[in-house]
Protein backbone atom coordinates (compact mmCIF):
# COMPACT_ATOMS: atom_id res chain seq x y z
CA UNK A 1 42.70 179.98 -13.62
CA UNK A 2 42.19 182.68 -10.76
CA UNK A 3 42.11 186.18 -12.25
CA UNK A 4 41.65 185.19 -15.84
CA UNK A 5 38.93 186.22 -18.24
CA UNK A 6 38.10 183.72 -20.76
CA UNK A 7 35.41 184.51 -23.66
CA UNK A 8 34.39 182.00 -26.01
CA UNK A 9 32.37 182.42 -29.28
CA UNK A 10 30.84 185.47 -28.15
CA UNK A 11 28.31 186.92 -30.62
CA UNK A 12 26.69 190.40 -30.10
CA UNK A 13 24.35 192.14 -32.76
CA UNK A 14 22.55 195.47 -32.49
CA UNK A 15 19.17 195.98 -34.45
CA UNK A 16 17.62 198.90 -35.54
CA UNK A 17 14.89 199.80 -38.21
CA UNK A 18 17.44 200.14 -40.80
CA UNK A 19 19.69 197.19 -40.19
CA UNK A 20 21.35 194.76 -38.06
CA UNK A 21 25.10 195.23 -36.96
CA UNK A 22 27.41 192.60 -35.86
CA UNK A 23 29.50 194.04 -33.28
CA UNK A 24 31.11 190.84 -31.95
CA UNK A 25 31.47 187.85 -34.49
CA UNK A 26 32.33 184.66 -32.57
CA UNK A 27 34.96 186.28 -30.59
CA UNK A 28 37.31 183.93 -28.52
CA UNK A 29 39.96 185.41 -26.25
CA UNK A 30 41.54 185.09 -22.79
CA UNK A 31 43.69 187.21 -20.70
CA UNK A 32 47.12 185.98 -19.69
CA UNK A 33 47.22 185.45 -15.85
CA UNK A 34 48.18 188.55 -13.88
CA UNK A 35 49.04 190.45 -17.01
CA UNK A 36 47.57 193.14 -19.00
CA UNK A 37 45.67 192.38 -22.20
CA UNK A 38 45.01 195.44 -24.56
CA UNK A 39 42.02 195.47 -26.96
CA UNK A 40 43.24 197.67 -29.83
CA UNK A 41 41.21 198.75 -32.97
CA UNK A 42 39.52 201.87 -34.70
CA UNK A 43 36.28 202.96 -33.61
CA UNK A 44 33.41 200.66 -34.15
CA UNK A 45 35.52 197.56 -34.08
CA UNK A 46 33.69 195.92 -31.33
CA UNK A 47 36.34 196.40 -28.62
CA UNK A 48 34.26 198.42 -26.07
CA UNK A 49 31.26 196.20 -26.71
CA UNK A 50 33.50 193.17 -25.74
CA UNK A 51 34.55 195.04 -22.48
CA UNK A 52 30.81 195.74 -21.68
CA UNK A 53 29.83 192.18 -22.24
CA UNK A 54 32.59 190.94 -19.97
CA UNK A 55 31.58 193.77 -17.22
CA UNK A 56 27.87 192.64 -17.47
CA UNK A 57 26.70 196.04 -18.74
CA UNK A 58 25.63 194.19 -22.30
CA UNK A 59 24.09 190.92 -22.74
CA UNK A 60 25.72 188.75 -25.77
CA UNK A 61 23.54 186.93 -27.93
CA UNK A 62 25.49 183.72 -27.60
CA UNK A 63 28.68 182.45 -26.26
CA UNK A 64 30.20 181.90 -22.82
CA UNK A 65 32.29 184.29 -20.40
CA UNK A 66 34.29 182.98 -17.61
CA UNK A 67 35.91 185.20 -14.96
CA UNK A 68 38.24 183.58 -12.40
CA UNK A 69 36.98 180.15 -13.22
CA UNK A 70 33.29 181.00 -12.72
CA UNK A 71 30.93 180.88 -15.56
CA UNK A 72 29.42 184.55 -15.19
CA UNK A 73 27.46 184.49 -18.45
CA UNK A 74 26.16 181.71 -20.73
CA UNK A 75 22.72 181.70 -22.50
CA UNK A 76 22.75 178.01 -22.91
CA UNK A 77 23.23 177.16 -19.09
CA UNK A 78 20.98 180.06 -18.17
CA UNK A 79 23.66 182.03 -16.30
CA UNK A 80 23.93 185.76 -16.27
CA UNK A 81 25.54 187.26 -13.22
CA UNK A 82 24.96 190.94 -12.50
CA UNK A 83 28.15 193.20 -12.68
CA UNK A 84 28.61 193.52 -8.80
CA UNK A 85 29.05 189.77 -8.59
CA UNK A 86 31.47 189.13 -11.36
CA UNK A 87 34.45 190.05 -9.28
CA UNK A 88 35.51 193.22 -11.51
CA UNK A 89 36.71 196.53 -11.27
CA UNK A 90 36.17 198.98 -13.97
CA UNK A 91 37.59 202.43 -14.89
CA UNK A 92 35.47 204.34 -17.59
CA UNK A 93 36.71 206.82 -20.00
CA UNK A 94 34.86 209.60 -17.99
CA UNK A 95 36.20 208.35 -14.62
CA UNK A 96 32.60 208.47 -13.49
CA UNK A 97 33.67 210.44 -10.24
CA UNK A 98 31.11 211.57 -8.10
CA UNK A 99 31.31 215.37 -7.85
CA UNK A 100 29.57 215.63 -4.53
CA UNK A 101 31.84 213.35 -2.83
CA UNK A 102 35.30 213.82 -1.27
CA UNK A 103 38.01 211.50 -2.67
CA UNK A 104 37.35 209.02 0.35
CA UNK A 105 33.90 208.86 -0.23
CA UNK A 106 34.31 207.75 -4.08
CA UNK A 107 36.91 205.19 -3.16
CA UNK A 108 35.06 203.90 -0.35
CA UNK A 109 31.52 203.56 -1.85
CA UNK A 110 32.14 200.12 -3.51
CA UNK A 111 32.95 198.82 0.09
CA UNK A 112 29.96 200.74 1.75
CA UNK A 113 27.29 199.01 -0.86
CA UNK A 114 28.93 195.80 0.39
CA UNK A 115 28.39 196.63 3.85
CA UNK A 116 32.01 196.29 4.98
CA UNK A 117 32.82 197.41 8.65
CA UNK A 118 33.76 201.10 8.86
CA UNK A 119 37.24 200.45 10.37
CA UNK A 120 38.11 197.98 7.45
CA UNK A 121 36.76 200.54 4.89
CA UNK A 122 39.12 202.98 6.55
CA UNK A 123 42.21 200.73 6.36
CA UNK A 124 41.62 199.64 2.67
CA UNK A 125 40.75 202.95 1.37
CA UNK A 126 44.07 204.36 3.22
CA UNK A 127 46.06 201.28 1.68
CA UNK A 128 45.08 202.07 -1.93
CA UNK A 129 45.28 205.63 -1.77
CA UNK A 130 48.76 205.38 -0.77
CA UNK A 131 49.20 202.87 -3.79
CA UNK A 132 47.88 205.52 -6.46
CA UNK A 133 50.11 208.34 -4.60
CA UNK A 134 47.02 210.19 -3.29
CA UNK A 135 47.44 209.88 0.39
CA UNK A 136 46.48 213.13 2.17
CA UNK A 137 43.70 213.68 -0.37
CA UNK A 138 41.15 211.63 1.43
CA UNK A 139 38.94 214.95 2.37
CA UNK A 140 39.62 216.85 -0.89
CA UNK A 141 36.47 217.37 -3.11
CA UNK A 142 36.59 215.36 -6.13
CA UNK A 143 35.98 218.35 -8.26
CA UNK A 144 39.12 220.13 -7.04
CA UNK A 145 41.54 217.36 -8.56
CA UNK A 146 43.39 217.67 -11.74
CA UNK A 147 42.36 215.26 -14.47
CA UNK A 148 45.37 212.93 -13.85
CA UNK A 149 44.19 212.76 -10.04
CA UNK A 150 40.68 211.99 -11.04
CA UNK A 151 41.92 209.24 -13.10
CA UNK A 152 43.93 207.81 -9.97
CA UNK A 153 40.80 208.11 -8.01
CA UNK A 154 38.91 206.06 -10.41
CA UNK A 155 41.84 203.31 -10.37
CA UNK A 156 41.77 203.33 -6.69
CA UNK A 157 38.06 202.74 -6.46
CA UNK A 158 38.42 200.04 -8.85
CA UNK A 159 41.12 198.56 -6.72
CA UNK A 160 39.49 198.83 -3.23
CA UNK A 161 37.25 195.93 -3.63
CA UNK A 162 40.17 193.61 -4.57
CA UNK A 163 38.84 192.39 -7.76
CA UNK A 164 39.76 189.35 -9.97
CA UNK A 165 40.18 191.53 -12.95
CA UNK A 166 40.23 195.35 -13.78
CA UNK A 167 38.65 196.43 -17.14
CA UNK A 168 39.72 199.81 -18.72
CA UNK A 169 37.57 201.55 -21.15
CA UNK A 170 39.99 204.33 -22.80
CA UNK A 171 40.72 205.88 -19.25
CA UNK A 172 43.36 208.29 -20.58
CA UNK A 173 41.65 209.71 -23.50
CA UNK A 174 40.36 212.77 -21.63
CA UNK A 175 44.04 213.70 -20.62
CA UNK A 176 46.39 216.03 -22.46
CA UNK A 177 49.22 214.49 -24.33
CA UNK A 178 51.93 215.22 -21.88
CA UNK A 179 49.78 214.05 -18.90
CA UNK A 180 48.72 211.14 -20.90
CA UNK A 181 52.17 209.90 -21.38
CA UNK A 182 53.32 210.28 -17.64
CA UNK A 183 49.88 208.63 -16.39
CA UNK A 184 50.30 205.65 -18.67
CA UNK A 185 53.67 205.06 -17.27
CA UNK A 186 52.16 205.15 -13.60
CA UNK A 187 49.42 202.85 -14.75
CA UNK A 188 51.64 200.33 -16.02
CA UNK A 189 53.90 200.47 -13.05
CA UNK A 190 50.81 199.90 -10.72
CA UNK A 191 49.19 196.92 -12.42
CA UNK A 192 52.67 195.39 -13.06
CA UNK A 193 53.10 195.62 -9.00
CA UNK A 194 49.76 194.30 -8.24
CA UNK A 195 50.08 191.37 -10.66
CA UNK A 196 46.47 191.70 -11.55
CA UNK A 197 44.70 190.56 -14.60
CA UNK A 198 43.47 193.75 -16.57
CA UNK A 199 41.74 194.07 -20.10
CA UNK A 200 42.46 197.72 -21.45
CA UNK A 201 40.45 199.10 -24.40
CA UNK A 202 42.15 201.87 -26.60
CA UNK A 203 42.48 202.99 -29.99
CA UNK A 204 45.68 204.82 -29.42
CA UNK A 205 48.56 202.64 -30.84
CA UNK A 206 51.16 204.01 -28.61
CA UNK A 207 49.20 203.59 -25.51
CA UNK A 208 48.55 200.01 -26.57
CA UNK A 209 52.30 199.46 -26.94
CA UNK A 210 53.49 200.83 -24.00
CA UNK A 211 50.61 199.49 -21.43
CA UNK A 212 50.16 195.96 -22.86
CA UNK A 213 51.85 192.40 -22.23
CA UNK A 214 49.88 191.19 -25.02
CA UNK A 215 47.63 192.97 -27.64
CA UNK A 216 44.56 191.84 -29.53
CA UNK A 217 43.83 193.84 -32.50
CA UNK A 218 40.22 193.91 -33.33
CA UNK A 219 38.70 194.64 -36.75
CA UNK A 220 34.80 194.47 -37.84
CA UNK A 221 34.05 192.47 -34.55
CA UNK A 222 36.64 189.93 -34.96
CA UNK A 223 40.15 189.52 -33.49
CA UNK A 224 42.48 189.64 -36.49
CA UNK A 225 45.83 189.14 -34.60
CA UNK A 226 47.16 188.66 -31.04
CA UNK A 227 50.70 188.97 -29.84
CA UNK A 228 53.36 190.87 -27.71
CA UNK A 229 53.76 194.47 -28.49
CA UNK A 230 57.03 193.67 -30.21
CA UNK A 231 55.53 191.02 -32.22
CA UNK A 232 52.44 193.29 -33.17
CA UNK A 233 54.58 196.25 -34.28
CA UNK A 234 57.79 194.43 -35.86
CA UNK A 235 56.58 191.16 -37.02
CA UNK A 236 53.01 191.16 -38.09
CA UNK A 237 52.12 189.56 -41.39
CA UNK A 238 48.57 190.96 -41.57
CA UNK A 239 48.22 194.23 -43.64
CA UNK A 240 45.56 195.86 -41.85
CA UNK A 241 47.48 195.35 -38.54
CA UNK A 242 50.81 196.75 -40.01
CA UNK A 243 48.85 199.90 -41.41
CA UNK A 244 47.02 200.52 -38.35
CA UNK A 245 49.59 200.14 -35.76
CA UNK A 246 52.03 202.57 -37.22
CA UNK A 247 53.85 203.96 -40.28
CA UNK A 248 55.05 201.71 -42.80
CA UNK A 249 56.51 201.63 -46.25
CA UNK A 250 54.61 199.17 -48.56
CA UNK A 251 56.43 197.94 -51.59
CA UNK A 252 55.60 195.40 -54.21
CA UNK A 253 57.99 192.37 -54.73
CA UNK A 254 58.47 189.19 -56.44
CA UNK A 255 59.63 185.96 -54.69
CA UNK A 256 63.04 184.73 -56.10
CA UNK A 257 63.49 181.81 -53.55
CA UNK A 258 64.17 180.91 -49.94
CA UNK A 259 67.39 181.54 -48.41
CA UNK A 260 66.45 179.57 -45.00
CA UNK A 261 63.22 178.55 -43.48
CA UNK A 262 62.21 181.92 -42.27
CA UNK A 263 63.78 184.27 -44.76
CA UNK A 264 63.27 184.65 -48.58
CA UNK A 265 65.20 186.63 -51.43
CA UNK A 266 62.88 188.94 -53.23
CA UNK A 267 63.17 191.42 -56.24
CA UNK A 268 61.47 194.95 -55.32
CA UNK A 269 62.27 198.62 -55.90
CA UNK A 270 65.08 198.41 -53.34
CA UNK A 271 67.01 195.79 -55.25
CA UNK A 272 67.35 192.40 -54.61
CA UNK A 273 66.97 191.93 -50.79
CA UNK A 274 66.50 189.30 -48.10
CA UNK A 275 63.38 189.54 -45.87
CA UNK A 276 61.30 187.68 -43.36
CA UNK A 277 58.32 185.77 -45.17
CA UNK A 278 55.93 183.16 -44.65
CA UNK A 279 56.73 179.63 -45.45
CA UNK A 280 55.76 177.56 -48.36
CA UNK A 281 55.54 180.14 -51.26
CA UNK A 282 56.32 179.38 -54.81
CA UNK A 283 59.04 181.20 -56.58
CA UNK A 284 57.55 184.22 -58.94
CA UNK A 285 54.84 184.68 -56.20
CA UNK A 286 53.81 188.36 -56.04
CA UNK A 287 54.22 189.77 -52.78
CA UNK A 288 53.91 193.01 -50.63
CA UNK A 289 56.58 193.79 -48.27
CA UNK A 290 57.04 196.40 -45.55
CA UNK A 291 59.49 198.22 -43.57
CA UNK A 292 59.08 200.72 -40.69
CA UNK A 293 60.76 204.29 -41.31
CA UNK A 294 63.02 203.68 -38.31
CA UNK A 295 64.34 200.49 -39.58
CA UNK A 296 66.72 201.89 -42.08
CA UNK A 297 70.21 202.80 -41.11
CA UNK A 298 72.62 204.97 -42.82
CA UNK A 299 75.97 203.17 -44.18
CA UNK A 300 79.13 205.35 -44.18
CA UNK A 301 80.72 205.91 -47.53
CA UNK A 302 83.89 204.16 -46.27
CA UNK A 303 82.03 201.01 -45.19
CA UNK A 304 82.23 197.82 -47.22
CA UNK A 305 78.90 196.55 -48.78
CA UNK A 306 76.44 194.95 -46.42
CA UNK A 307 73.35 192.91 -46.93
CA UNK A 308 70.31 194.68 -48.11
CA UNK A 309 72.01 197.79 -48.98
CA UNK A 310 70.81 200.35 -51.51
CA UNK A 311 71.42 203.99 -52.49
CA UNK A 312 68.75 206.73 -52.71
CA UNK A 313 68.28 210.46 -52.87
CA UNK A 314 66.70 212.63 -50.30
CA UNK A 315 63.56 214.38 -51.90
CA UNK A 316 62.46 215.95 -48.46
CA UNK A 317 63.81 216.25 -44.95
CA UNK A 318 62.35 217.34 -41.49
CA UNK A 319 64.07 217.88 -38.52
CA UNK A 320 62.11 215.89 -35.77
CA UNK A 321 64.11 216.34 -32.61
CA UNK A 322 65.38 212.78 -32.16
CA UNK A 323 65.98 212.07 -35.79
CA UNK A 324 65.47 213.40 -39.41
CA UNK A 325 62.33 212.24 -41.18
CA UNK A 326 63.39 211.78 -44.78
CA UNK A 327 61.68 210.69 -48.00
CA UNK A 328 64.24 209.08 -50.31
CA UNK A 329 63.80 208.21 -53.92
CA UNK A 330 65.07 204.67 -54.64
CA UNK A 331 64.67 202.92 -57.86
CA UNK A 332 61.51 204.87 -58.72
CA UNK A 333 60.01 204.27 -55.63
CA UNK A 334 59.50 206.63 -52.54
CA UNK A 335 60.35 205.24 -48.98
CA UNK A 336 59.89 207.13 -45.67
CA UNK A 337 63.06 206.78 -43.24
CA UNK A 338 63.67 208.11 -39.82
CA UNK A 339 67.37 208.53 -39.53
CA UNK A 340 69.39 209.01 -36.49
CA UNK A 341 72.02 211.72 -36.50
CA UNK A 342 75.39 210.69 -37.92
CA UNK A 343 76.29 213.45 -40.29
CA UNK A 344 74.66 216.80 -41.72
CA UNK A 345 72.14 215.89 -44.48
CA UNK A 346 70.48 218.15 -46.74
CA UNK A 347 67.83 217.88 -49.48
CA UNK A 348 69.33 216.29 -52.57
CA UNK A 349 71.89 214.33 -51.01
CA UNK A 350 72.71 210.76 -51.94
CA UNK A 351 72.64 208.47 -48.96
CA UNK A 352 73.44 204.64 -48.63
CA UNK A 353 70.89 202.87 -46.50
CA UNK A 354 70.48 199.46 -45.20
CA UNK A 355 67.58 197.68 -43.62
CA UNK A 356 68.01 194.36 -41.32
CA UNK A 357 66.46 191.30 -42.83
CA UNK A 358 64.53 191.08 -39.71
CA UNK A 359 62.67 194.36 -40.03
CA UNK A 360 61.84 193.68 -43.77
CA UNK A 361 58.85 191.62 -44.00
CA UNK A 362 56.61 190.12 -46.47
CA UNK A 363 52.91 189.99 -45.70
CA UNK A 364 50.90 186.95 -45.87
CA UNK A 365 49.10 186.97 -49.27
CA UNK A 366 46.29 184.89 -47.89
CA UNK A 367 45.44 187.97 -45.61
CA UNK A 368 45.69 190.64 -48.13
CA UNK A 369 42.30 191.89 -49.28
């Protein structure tokens, strides 16, 4: 399909005198058409190697890469197109801005090497600079731009050749926290407006959740889970993904039975509660359940009992601006809860809490180490 990247059974190893490291271990993945796929994972998981193989900056050992319906790399077929023939744009972590050129020169360069007529170059550069809100900066020296502006120049240069797909290698990592937050929103808006396929590499969980249409979480050269940001954050059953993507409370539990096809009754330090769980497990199975800190809600003292309600004691309390971050002792366990304001809270208070069955989940025992 036009604009899509499809990777099949990709293997890449790096060999030194001491050892051989498998950077990509039979990776198969494809981009959703005209959407943003984010490769998320810790350092050394293989995400940048995968991006560089797609770009043509690394040669895999085996497998196949297809971009826009065209095979661009396949060892068995003897196909290995150079980067400039793959129909891609790329935005690097360092932006790769040429300091001796103006903004116009940086953006126009991909068209100049393709021998595009001068009048067309001027039109296309003006159009893309307007898109990234840099109109009027054509003659500005690249070194006189802020970090956020340089990032937009790099994006404009990637867009000006009208690629089938854009590859991003941690493009916001050099920006300060506040600028990174505003720039990722701009970037998300740009890519959504363009309706272009993109692959975005990052180790920043918040960045992945806010930018991606789909996330592929990588670990040790493999994709361990793929889904929408909501699925990855709220509905994962993989312990590595849950722990990597954000803070979570993990509790040991015992399965008592199923309430329906998707929900089980378990016994845990919170008491007897209902949670989402994998199908087909036997009664008595030992499980690990998890909840996110923001999943807890305070139940007013005057309210009638509700499902998945329990009482605990606040053992520590931090004011975090939009909410309190509280450590709460419940049945011998400590849980972290992010509590929205409802009434003054202090350390030592008893508090009634409730967690929705959808935000309390059991991990798949088959996936636990």
